[in-house]
């Protein structure tokens, strides 16, 4: 396993980091995003979508569960999943994510503990964004674009051997 840590000053930097991270992704890759509400999981996914050159606005798929964004640049599609409302492995299996895994980049918010069985190779991305007194800036709770994000990317599996993960933009 390889681990990389970056500090991103705001949402724009988080999107830029996602775009840079997309540069090392290919069809078949699984990215698991973990972090508290408002940490920046969807913001990072927006950067991944931009970097992959996919169609459509990458938005939180909380009520849809999964959304497919086809490539407009000849690369893999982005399958964006929000597992927040899923409570069991059976519900994950019902999404049939493994059917499109080989031909897409699959990004799963709130997927820790639920999707690791899809593949032994994955990126586990944990985002922490201090709020209120913890971060020293009380405006963070109201402004989703502001505030530092602490991001840890852990590359799991042989697929990532020798792959250099991007640094902060």
N, C-alpha and C. Protein backbone atom coordinates (compact mmCIF):
# COMPACT_ATOMS: atom_id res chain seq x y z
N UNK A 1 0.84 -1.19 0.00
CA UNK A 1 0.00 0.00 0.00
C UNK A 1 0.88 1.24 0.00
N UNK A 2 0.44 2.22 -0.74
CA UNK A 2 1.10 3.52 -0.80
C UNK A 2 0.12 4.56 -0.29
N UNK A 3 0.61 5.46 0.56
CA UNK A 3 -0.26 6.50 1.10
C UNK A 3 0.34 7.87 0.79
N UNK A 4 -0.55 8.77 0.38
CA UNK A 4 -0.17 10.14 0.08
C UNK A 4 -1.10 11.07 0.85
N UNK A 5 -0.56 12.14 1.41
CA UNK A 5 -1.38 13.11 2.14
C UNK A 5 -1.18 14.49 1.53
N UNK A 6 -2.30 15.19 1.35
CA UNK A 6 -2.23 16.56 0.83
C UNK A 6 -3.17 17.44 1.64
N UNK A 7 -2.84 18.71 1.68
CA UNK A 7 -3.71 19.70 2.31
C UNK A 7 -4.17 20.63 1.21
N UNK A 8 -5.49 20.77 1.08
CA UNK A 8 -6.08 21.57 0.01
C UNK A 8 -6.79 22.76 0.64
N UNK A 9 -6.48 23.98 0.20
CA UNK A 9 -6.99 25.17 0.89
C UNK A 9 -8.48 25.44 0.74
N UNK A 10 -9.12 24.91 -0.33
CA UNK A 10 -10.54 25.22 -0.54
C UNK A 10 -11.14 24.26 -1.56
N UNK A 11 -12.39 24.49 -1.93
CA UNK A 11 -13.09 23.61 -2.85
C UNK A 11 -12.45 23.61 -4.24
N UNK A 12 -12.00 24.78 -4.71
CA UNK A 12 -11.36 24.84 -6.03
C UNK A 12 -10.11 23.96 -6.07
N UNK A 13 -9.32 24.00 -5.02
CA UNK A 13 -8.12 23.16 -4.96
C UNK A 13 -8.50 21.69 -4.87
N UNK A 14 -9.62 21.40 -4.22
CA UNK A 14 -10.09 20.02 -4.11
C UNK A 14 -10.49 19.50 -5.49
N UNK A 15 -11.20 20.33 -6.27
CA UNK A 15 -11.55 19.94 -7.63
C UNK A 15 -10.30 19.77 -8.49
N UNK A 16 -9.33 20.68 -8.34
CA UNK A 16 -8.09 20.58 -9.11
C UNK A 16 -7.32 19.30 -8.75
N UNK A 17 -7.32 18.95 -7.48
CA UNK A 17 -6.66 17.71 -7.06
C UNK A 17 -7.39 16.51 -7.66
N UNK A 18 -8.72 16.54 -7.67
CA UNK A 18 -9.50 15.46 -8.29
C UNK A 18 -9.15 15.32 -9.77
N UNK A 19 -9.01 16.45 -10.47
CA UNK A 19 -8.65 16.41 -11.89
C UNK A 19 -7.25 15.80 -12.07
N UNK A 20 -6.33 16.16 -11.19
CA UNK A 20 -4.99 15.59 -11.26
C UNK A 20 -5.01 14.09 -10.96
N UNK A 21 -5.81 13.70 -10.00
CA UNK A 21 -5.93 12.29 -9.65
C UNK A 21 -6.53 11.50 -10.81
N UNK A 22 -7.45 12.11 -11.55
CA UNK A 22 -8.04 11.46 -12.72
C UNK A 22 -6.97 11.08 -13.74
N UNK A 23 -5.88 11.82 -13.74
CA UNK A 23 -4.79 11.55 -14.68
C UNK A 23 -4.12 10.20 -14.49
N UNK A 24 -4.27 9.59 -13.32
CA UNK A 24 -3.67 8.28 -13.08
C UNK A 24 -4.73 7.16 -13.11
N UNK A 25 -5.98 7.54 -13.35
CA UNK A 25 -7.06 6.55 -13.36
C UNK A 25 -7.26 5.98 -14.75
N UNK A 26 -7.76 4.74 -14.78
CA UNK A 26 -8.10 4.09 -16.04
C UNK A 26 -9.33 3.21 -15.82
N UNK A 27 -9.90 2.74 -16.91
CA UNK A 27 -11.06 1.85 -16.81
C UNK A 27 -10.73 0.69 -15.88
N UNK A 28 -11.68 0.38 -15.01
CA UNK A 28 -11.49 -0.71 -14.05
C UNK A 28 -11.11 -0.23 -12.66
N UNK A 29 -10.80 1.05 -12.52
CA UNK A 29 -10.39 1.56 -11.22
C UNK A 29 -11.58 1.86 -10.33
N UNK A 30 -11.40 1.57 -9.06
CA UNK A 30 -12.39 1.86 -8.02
C UNK A 30 -11.80 2.88 -7.07
N UNK A 31 -12.56 3.95 -6.81
CA UNK A 31 -12.14 4.99 -5.87
C UNK A 31 -13.22 5.06 -4.79
N UNK A 32 -12.81 4.85 -3.54
CA UNK A 32 -13.73 4.88 -2.41
C UNK A 32 -13.48 6.17 -1.63
N UNK A 33 -14.52 7.04 -1.56
CA UNK A 33 -14.40 8.33 -0.88
C UNK A 33 -15.05 8.27 0.49
N UNK A 34 -14.29 8.68 1.50
CA UNK A 34 -14.76 8.66 2.87
C UNK A 34 -14.55 10.03 3.49
N UNK A 35 -15.51 10.48 4.29
CA UNK A 35 -15.40 11.75 4.99
C UNK A 35 -16.76 12.14 5.52
N UNK A 36 -16.75 13.01 6.51
CA UNK A 36 -18.01 13.44 7.11
C UNK A 36 -18.83 14.26 6.11
N UNK A 37 -20.08 14.49 6.44
CA UNK A 37 -20.92 15.35 5.61
C UNK A 37 -20.24 16.69 5.41
N UNK A 38 -20.20 17.16 4.17
CA UNK A 38 -19.61 18.45 3.87
C UNK A 38 -18.09 18.46 3.78
N UNK A 39 -17.46 17.30 3.85
CA UNK A 39 -15.99 17.26 3.82
C UNK A 39 -15.44 17.61 2.44
N UNK A 40 -16.17 17.24 1.39
CA UNK A 40 -15.69 17.53 0.04
C UNK A 40 -15.64 16.31 -0.87
N UNK A 41 -16.36 15.25 -0.52
CA UNK A 41 -16.36 14.04 -1.35
C UNK A 41 -16.90 14.33 -2.75
N UNK A 42 -18.04 14.97 -2.82
CA UNK A 42 -18.63 15.27 -4.13
C UNK A 42 -17.78 16.30 -4.86
N UNK A 43 -17.21 17.23 -4.15
CA UNK A 43 -16.32 18.23 -4.77
C UNK A 43 -15.14 17.53 -5.44
N UNK A 44 -14.54 16.55 -4.76
CA UNK A 44 -13.44 15.79 -5.34
C UNK A 44 -13.94 15.01 -6.55
N UNK A 45 -15.13 14.41 -6.45
CA UNK A 45 -15.71 13.67 -7.57
C UNK A 45 -15.93 14.58 -8.78
N UNK A 46 -16.29 15.84 -8.54
CA UNK A 46 -16.44 16.79 -9.64
C UNK A 46 -15.11 16.98 -10.37
N UNK A 47 -14.03 17.08 -9.61
CA UNK A 47 -12.71 17.18 -10.22
C UNK A 47 -12.34 15.94 -10.99
N UNK A 48 -12.68 14.77 -10.46
CA UNK A 48 -12.43 13.51 -11.18
C UNK A 48 -13.17 13.52 -12.51
N UNK A 49 -14.44 13.93 -12.48
CA UNK A 49 -15.24 13.99 -13.70
C UNK A 49 -14.65 14.94 -14.73
N UNK A 50 -14.20 16.10 -14.27
CA UNK A 50 -13.57 17.07 -15.17
C UNK A 50 -12.29 16.49 -15.77
N UNK A 51 -11.49 15.87 -14.93
CA UNK A 51 -10.24 15.30 -15.39
C UNK A 51 -10.42 14.14 -16.35
N UNK A 52 -11.50 13.37 -16.17
CA UNK A 52 -11.80 12.25 -17.06
C UNK A 52 -12.50 12.71 -18.34
N UNK A 53 -12.99 13.94 -18.35
CA UNK A 53 -13.68 14.46 -19.52
C UNK A 53 -15.01 13.79 -19.75
N UNK A 54 -15.86 13.81 -18.72
CA UNK A 54 -17.16 13.15 -18.84
C UNK A 54 -18.28 14.17 -19.02
N UNK A 55 -19.40 13.68 -19.50
CA UNK A 55 -20.56 14.52 -19.77
C UNK A 55 -21.44 14.62 -18.52
N UNK A 56 -22.05 15.76 -18.36
CA UNK A 56 -23.01 15.96 -17.28
C UNK A 56 -22.37 16.53 -16.04
N UNK A 57 -23.21 17.17 -15.24
CA UNK A 57 -22.75 17.74 -13.98
C UNK A 57 -22.60 16.63 -12.96
N UNK A 58 -21.44 16.52 -12.37
CA UNK A 58 -21.21 15.56 -11.31
C UNK A 58 -21.74 16.18 -10.02
N UNK A 59 -22.83 15.63 -9.54
CA UNK A 59 -23.50 16.13 -8.34
C UNK A 59 -23.72 14.96 -7.41
N UNK A 60 -24.02 15.25 -6.18
CA UNK A 60 -24.26 14.18 -5.22
C UNK A 60 -25.43 13.31 -5.68
N UNK A 61 -25.18 12.01 -5.86
CA UNK A 61 -26.26 11.12 -6.31
C UNK A 61 -27.03 10.50 -5.15
N UNK A 62 -27.13 11.20 -4.01
CA UNK A 62 -27.72 10.65 -2.80
C UNK A 62 -29.09 10.02 -3.04
N UNK A 63 -29.97 10.68 -3.74
CA UNK A 63 -31.32 10.14 -3.90
C UNK A 63 -31.45 9.23 -5.11
N UNK A 64 -30.48 9.29 -6.02
CA UNK A 64 -30.49 8.43 -7.19
C UNK A 64 -29.64 7.18 -6.92
N UNK A 65 -28.73 7.25 -6.00
CA UNK A 65 -27.77 6.22 -5.59
C UNK A 65 -26.60 6.13 -6.57
N UNK A 66 -26.86 5.95 -7.87
CA UNK A 66 -25.76 5.82 -8.83
C UNK A 66 -26.10 6.58 -10.11
N UNK A 67 -25.09 7.22 -10.67
CA UNK A 67 -25.26 7.98 -11.90
C UNK A 67 -24.06 7.68 -12.80
N UNK A 68 -24.33 7.45 -14.08
CA UNK A 68 -23.27 7.18 -15.06
C UNK A 68 -23.04 8.44 -15.88
N UNK A 69 -21.79 8.85 -15.97
CA UNK A 69 -21.39 10.00 -16.78
C UNK A 69 -20.52 9.48 -17.92
N UNK A 70 -21.05 9.42 -19.14
CA UNK A 70 -20.26 8.92 -20.27
C UNK A 70 -19.12 9.86 -20.62
N UNK A 71 -18.09 9.30 -21.19
CA UNK A 71 -16.94 10.10 -21.61
C UNK A 71 -17.27 10.88 -22.87
N UNK A 72 -16.78 12.11 -22.94
CA UNK A 72 -16.87 12.89 -24.17
C UNK A 72 -15.48 13.04 -24.79
N UNK A 73 -14.50 12.34 -24.19
CA UNK A 73 -13.12 12.47 -24.65
C UNK A 73 -12.52 11.14 -25.07
N UNK A 74 -13.35 10.08 -25.16
CA UNK A 74 -12.83 8.79 -25.58
C UNK A 74 -12.29 7.93 -24.45
N UNK A 75 -12.36 8.42 -23.23
CA UNK A 75 -11.87 7.66 -22.08
C UNK A 75 -13.00 6.88 -21.43
N UNK A 76 -12.74 6.37 -20.25
CA UNK A 76 -13.78 5.60 -19.57
C UNK A 76 -14.88 6.50 -19.00
N UNK A 77 -16.06 5.92 -18.85
CA UNK A 77 -17.17 6.61 -18.19
C UNK A 77 -16.87 6.71 -16.70
N UNK A 78 -17.55 7.61 -16.04
CA UNK A 78 -17.48 7.73 -14.59
C UNK A 78 -18.80 7.21 -14.02
N UNK A 79 -18.72 6.20 -13.17
CA UNK A 79 -19.89 5.73 -12.44
C UNK A 79 -19.76 6.31 -11.04
N UNK A 80 -20.67 7.22 -10.68
CA UNK A 80 -20.61 7.93 -9.41
C UNK A 80 -21.72 7.40 -8.52
N UNK A 81 -21.33 6.83 -7.39
CA UNK A 81 -22.27 6.15 -6.50
C UNK A 81 -22.23 6.82 -5.13
N UNK A 82 -23.39 6.96 -4.52
CA UNK A 82 -23.47 7.43 -3.14
C UNK A 82 -24.09 6.31 -2.31
N UNK A 83 -23.28 5.67 -1.49
CA UNK A 83 -23.73 4.52 -0.71
C UNK A 83 -24.26 4.93 0.67
N UNK A 84 -24.49 6.22 0.88
CA UNK A 84 -24.92 6.72 2.18
C UNK A 84 -26.18 6.03 2.68
N UNK A 85 -27.12 5.80 1.81
CA UNK A 85 -28.40 5.20 2.20
C UNK A 85 -28.39 3.67 2.13
N UNK A 86 -27.29 3.09 1.68
CA UNK A 86 -27.21 1.63 1.59
C UNK A 86 -26.82 1.06 2.95
N UNK A 87 -27.44 -0.03 3.32
CA UNK A 87 -27.20 -0.58 4.66
C UNK A 87 -26.64 -1.98 4.65
N UNK A 88 -26.51 -2.59 3.47
CA UNK A 88 -26.03 -3.97 3.45
C UNK A 88 -25.28 -4.26 2.16
N UNK A 89 -24.52 -5.35 2.18
CA UNK A 89 -23.83 -5.79 0.98
C UNK A 89 -24.82 -6.21 -0.10
N UNK A 90 -25.98 -6.73 0.31
CA UNK A 90 -27.01 -7.11 -0.66
C UNK A 90 -27.48 -5.91 -1.47
N UNK A 91 -27.62 -4.76 -0.82
CA UNK A 91 -28.04 -3.54 -1.53
C UNK A 91 -26.96 -3.08 -2.50
N UNK A 92 -25.69 -3.23 -2.12
CA UNK A 92 -24.59 -2.88 -3.02
C UNK A 92 -24.60 -3.83 -4.21
N UNK A 93 -24.77 -5.12 -3.96
CA UNK A 93 -24.80 -6.10 -5.05
C UNK A 93 -25.96 -5.85 -6.00
N UNK A 94 -27.08 -5.35 -5.50
CA UNK A 94 -28.24 -5.06 -6.35
C UNK A 94 -27.93 -3.95 -7.36
N UNK A 95 -26.95 -3.09 -7.06
CA UNK A 95 -26.56 -2.04 -8.00
C UNK A 95 -25.80 -2.60 -9.20
N UNK A 96 -25.28 -3.83 -9.06
CA UNK A 96 -24.56 -4.52 -10.14
C UNK A 96 -23.35 -3.71 -10.62
N UNK A 97 -22.63 -3.12 -9.68
CA UNK A 97 -21.47 -2.30 -10.02
C UNK A 97 -20.38 -3.10 -10.70
N UNK A 98 -20.26 -4.39 -10.35
CA UNK A 98 -19.20 -5.18 -10.96
C UNK A 98 -19.43 -5.39 -12.46
N UNK A 99 -20.64 -5.20 -12.95
CA UNK A 99 -20.93 -5.34 -14.38
C UNK A 99 -20.26 -4.25 -15.20
N UNK A 100 -20.12 -3.05 -14.64
CA UNK A 100 -19.51 -1.94 -15.38
C UNK A 100 -18.12 -1.59 -14.87
N UNK A 101 -17.65 -2.29 -13.86
CA UNK A 101 -16.37 -1.94 -13.23
C UNK A 101 -15.21 -1.99 -14.21
N UNK A 102 -15.15 -2.99 -15.07
CA UNK A 102 -14.02 -3.14 -15.98
C UNK A 102 -13.93 -2.04 -17.04
N UNK A 103 -15.06 -1.43 -17.37
CA UNK A 103 -15.05 -0.45 -18.45
C UNK A 103 -15.20 0.99 -17.98
N UNK A 104 -15.32 1.21 -16.69
CA UNK A 104 -15.55 2.54 -16.14
C UNK A 104 -14.59 2.82 -15.00
N UNK A 105 -14.53 4.07 -14.59
CA UNK A 105 -13.95 4.45 -13.31
C UNK A 105 -15.13 4.56 -12.36
N UNK A 106 -15.10 3.79 -11.29
CA UNK A 106 -16.22 3.78 -10.35
C UNK A 106 -15.80 4.52 -9.09
N UNK A 107 -16.56 5.55 -8.73
CA UNK A 107 -16.29 6.37 -7.55
C UNK A 107 -17.46 6.20 -6.59
N UNK A 108 -17.17 5.74 -5.37
CA UNK A 108 -18.23 5.46 -4.41
C UNK A 108 -18.03 6.31 -3.16
N UNK A 109 -18.96 7.24 -2.95
CA UNK A 109 -18.96 8.01 -1.70
C UNK A 109 -19.61 7.14 -0.62
N UNK A 110 -19.09 7.22 0.59
CA UNK A 110 -19.62 6.46 1.73
C UNK A 110 -19.50 4.95 1.49
N UNK A 111 -18.53 4.52 0.70
CA UNK A 111 -18.44 3.10 0.34
C UNK A 111 -17.57 2.25 1.24
N UNK A 112 -16.84 2.85 2.17
CA UNK A 112 -15.95 2.08 3.04
C UNK A 112 -16.74 1.02 3.79
N UNK A 113 -16.23 -0.19 3.76
CA UNK A 113 -16.89 -1.30 4.43
C UNK A 113 -17.97 -1.96 3.60
N UNK A 114 -18.25 -1.42 2.41
CA UNK A 114 -19.31 -1.97 1.56
C UNK A 114 -18.83 -2.45 0.19
N UNK A 115 -17.83 -1.78 -0.39
CA UNK A 115 -17.49 -2.07 -1.79
C UNK A 115 -16.10 -2.68 -2.00
N UNK A 116 -15.37 -2.89 -0.94
CA UNK A 116 -14.01 -3.41 -1.10
C UNK A 116 -13.98 -4.78 -1.78
N UNK A 117 -15.06 -5.54 -1.67
CA UNK A 117 -15.08 -6.86 -2.27
C UNK A 117 -15.20 -6.81 -3.80
N UNK A 118 -15.48 -5.63 -4.36
CA UNK A 118 -15.59 -5.51 -5.82
C UNK A 118 -14.26 -5.79 -6.51
N UNK A 119 -13.17 -5.36 -5.86
CA UNK A 119 -11.84 -5.54 -6.44
C UNK A 119 -10.78 -5.39 -5.35
N UNK A 120 -9.68 -6.09 -5.51
CA UNK A 120 -8.58 -5.96 -4.56
C UNK A 120 -7.76 -4.72 -4.78
N UNK A 121 -7.93 -4.08 -5.94
CA UNK A 121 -7.19 -2.86 -6.30
C UNK A 121 -8.13 -1.67 -6.22
N UNK A 122 -7.74 -0.67 -5.44
CA UNK A 122 -8.60 0.51 -5.30
C UNK A 122 -7.79 1.66 -4.70
N UNK A 123 -8.36 2.84 -4.83
CA UNK A 123 -7.86 4.01 -4.11
C UNK A 123 -8.86 4.32 -3.01
N UNK A 124 -8.37 4.42 -1.80
CA UNK A 124 -9.20 4.81 -0.66
C UNK A 124 -8.84 6.25 -0.32
N UNK A 125 -9.79 7.15 -0.50
CA UNK A 125 -9.55 8.58 -0.30
C UNK A 125 -10.38 9.04 0.90
N UNK A 126 -9.67 9.52 1.91
CA UNK A 126 -10.34 10.05 3.11
C UNK A 126 -10.15 11.55 3.14
N UNK A 127 -11.26 12.26 3.31
CA UNK A 127 -11.23 13.72 3.34
C UNK A 127 -11.74 14.19 4.68
N UNK A 128 -10.97 15.07 5.30
CA UNK A 128 -11.40 15.67 6.57
C UNK A 128 -11.35 17.18 6.41
N UNK A 129 -12.44 17.81 6.76
CA UNK A 129 -12.55 19.27 6.69
C UNK A 129 -12.97 19.78 8.06
N UNK A 130 -12.06 20.42 8.78
CA UNK A 130 -12.42 20.93 10.10
C UNK A 130 -13.58 21.92 10.02
N UNK A 131 -14.47 21.84 11.00
CA UNK A 131 -15.63 22.73 11.07
C UNK A 131 -15.60 23.52 12.37
N UNK A 132 -16.20 24.69 12.35
CA UNK A 132 -16.41 25.48 13.56
C UNK A 132 -15.17 25.66 14.39
N UNK A 133 -15.30 25.45 15.69
CA UNK A 133 -14.20 25.69 16.63
C UNK A 133 -13.01 24.78 16.34
N UNK A 134 -13.28 23.58 15.82
CA UNK A 134 -12.19 22.65 15.52
C UNK A 134 -11.23 23.24 14.51
N UNK A 135 -11.78 23.92 13.50
CA UNK A 135 -10.95 24.50 12.47
C UNK A 135 -10.61 25.96 12.72
N UNK A 136 -11.22 26.55 13.71
CA UNK A 136 -10.94 27.94 14.03
C UNK A 136 -11.71 28.94 13.17
N UNK A 137 -12.49 28.46 12.20
CA UNK A 137 -13.24 29.35 11.32
C UNK A 137 -14.71 28.96 11.37
N UNK A 138 -15.52 29.74 12.06
CA UNK A 138 -16.93 29.38 12.23
C UNK A 138 -17.72 29.46 10.94
N UNK A 139 -17.24 30.19 9.91
CA UNK A 139 -17.98 30.33 8.67
C UNK A 139 -17.99 29.04 7.86
N UNK A 140 -17.14 28.10 8.17
CA UNK A 140 -17.03 26.88 7.37
C UNK A 140 -18.33 26.09 7.32
N UNK A 141 -19.11 26.14 8.37
CA UNK A 141 -20.34 25.38 8.39
C UNK A 141 -21.35 25.90 7.37
N UNK A 142 -21.22 27.16 6.96
CA UNK A 142 -22.16 27.76 6.03
C UNK A 142 -21.61 27.86 4.61
N UNK A 143 -20.32 27.84 4.43
CA UNK A 143 -19.70 28.05 3.13
C UNK A 143 -19.00 26.79 2.65
N UNK A 144 -19.66 26.06 1.77
CA UNK A 144 -19.12 24.78 1.29
C UNK A 144 -17.87 24.95 0.44
N UNK A 145 -17.63 26.15 -0.08
CA UNK A 145 -16.46 26.38 -0.93
C UNK A 145 -15.21 26.69 -0.12
N UNK A 146 -15.37 27.15 1.12
CA UNK A 146 -14.24 27.59 1.93
C UNK A 146 -13.72 26.46 2.80
N UNK A 147 -12.56 26.67 3.33
CA UNK A 147 -12.02 25.77 4.33
C UNK A 147 -11.06 24.73 3.78
N UNK A 148 -10.06 24.45 4.58
CA UNK A 148 -9.02 23.49 4.25
C UNK A 148 -9.58 22.07 4.29
N UNK A 149 -9.14 21.26 3.34
CA UNK A 149 -9.44 19.83 3.34
C UNK A 149 -8.13 19.08 3.52
N UNK A 150 -8.12 18.12 4.42
CA UNK A 150 -6.97 17.24 4.62
C UNK A 150 -7.33 15.93 3.93
N UNK A 151 -6.55 15.56 2.92
CA UNK A 151 -6.88 14.41 2.09
C UNK A 151 -5.78 13.37 2.21
N UNK A 152 -6.20 12.13 2.47
CA UNK A 152 -5.28 10.99 2.50
C UNK A 152 -5.73 10.02 1.41
N UNK A 153 -4.80 9.69 0.52
CA UNK A 153 -5.08 8.73 -0.55
C UNK A 153 -4.23 7.50 -0.29
N UNK A 154 -4.90 6.35 -0.16
CA UNK A 154 -4.21 5.09 0.05
C UNK A 154 -4.45 4.21 -1.17
N UNK A 155 -3.37 3.82 -1.82
CA UNK A 155 -3.45 2.95 -2.99
C UNK A 155 -3.32 1.50 -2.52
N UNK A 156 -4.35 0.71 -2.79
CA UNK A 156 -4.40 -0.67 -2.33
C UNK A 156 -4.33 -1.60 -3.54
N UNK A 157 -3.43 -2.56 -3.51
CA UNK A 157 -3.38 -3.58 -4.55
C UNK A 157 -2.25 -3.39 -5.55
N UNK A 158 -2.00 -4.46 -6.31
CA UNK A 158 -0.91 -4.49 -7.28
C UNK A 158 -1.07 -3.45 -8.39
N UNK A 159 -2.28 -3.11 -8.74
CA UNK A 159 -2.52 -2.14 -9.81
C UNK A 159 -1.76 -0.84 -9.58
N UNK A 160 -1.56 -0.49 -8.32
CA UNK A 160 -0.98 0.80 -7.99
C UNK A 160 0.52 0.76 -7.76
N UNK A 161 1.14 -0.42 -7.92
CA UNK A 161 2.59 -0.52 -7.76
C UNK A 161 3.27 0.36 -8.81
N UNK A 162 4.11 1.26 -8.35
CA UNK A 162 4.86 2.13 -9.25
C UNK A 162 4.09 3.32 -9.79
N UNK A 163 2.82 3.47 -9.41
CA UNK A 163 2.03 4.62 -9.87
C UNK A 163 2.26 5.77 -8.90
N UNK A 164 2.69 6.91 -9.44
CA UNK A 164 2.93 8.08 -8.61
C UNK A 164 1.62 8.85 -8.46
N UNK A 165 1.18 8.98 -7.21
CA UNK A 165 -0.04 9.73 -6.93
C UNK A 165 0.27 11.23 -6.98
N UNK A 166 -0.69 12.04 -7.44
CA UNK A 166 -0.42 13.47 -7.57
C UNK A 166 -0.26 14.15 -6.21
N UNK A 167 0.51 15.24 -6.24
CA UNK A 167 0.64 16.09 -5.05
C UNK A 167 -0.42 17.17 -5.13
N UNK A 168 -0.50 17.98 -4.12
CA UNK A 168 -1.47 19.09 -4.12
C UNK A 168 -1.17 20.02 -5.28
N UNK A 169 -2.22 20.53 -5.95
CA UNK A 169 -2.00 21.43 -7.11
C UNK A 169 -1.45 22.77 -6.66
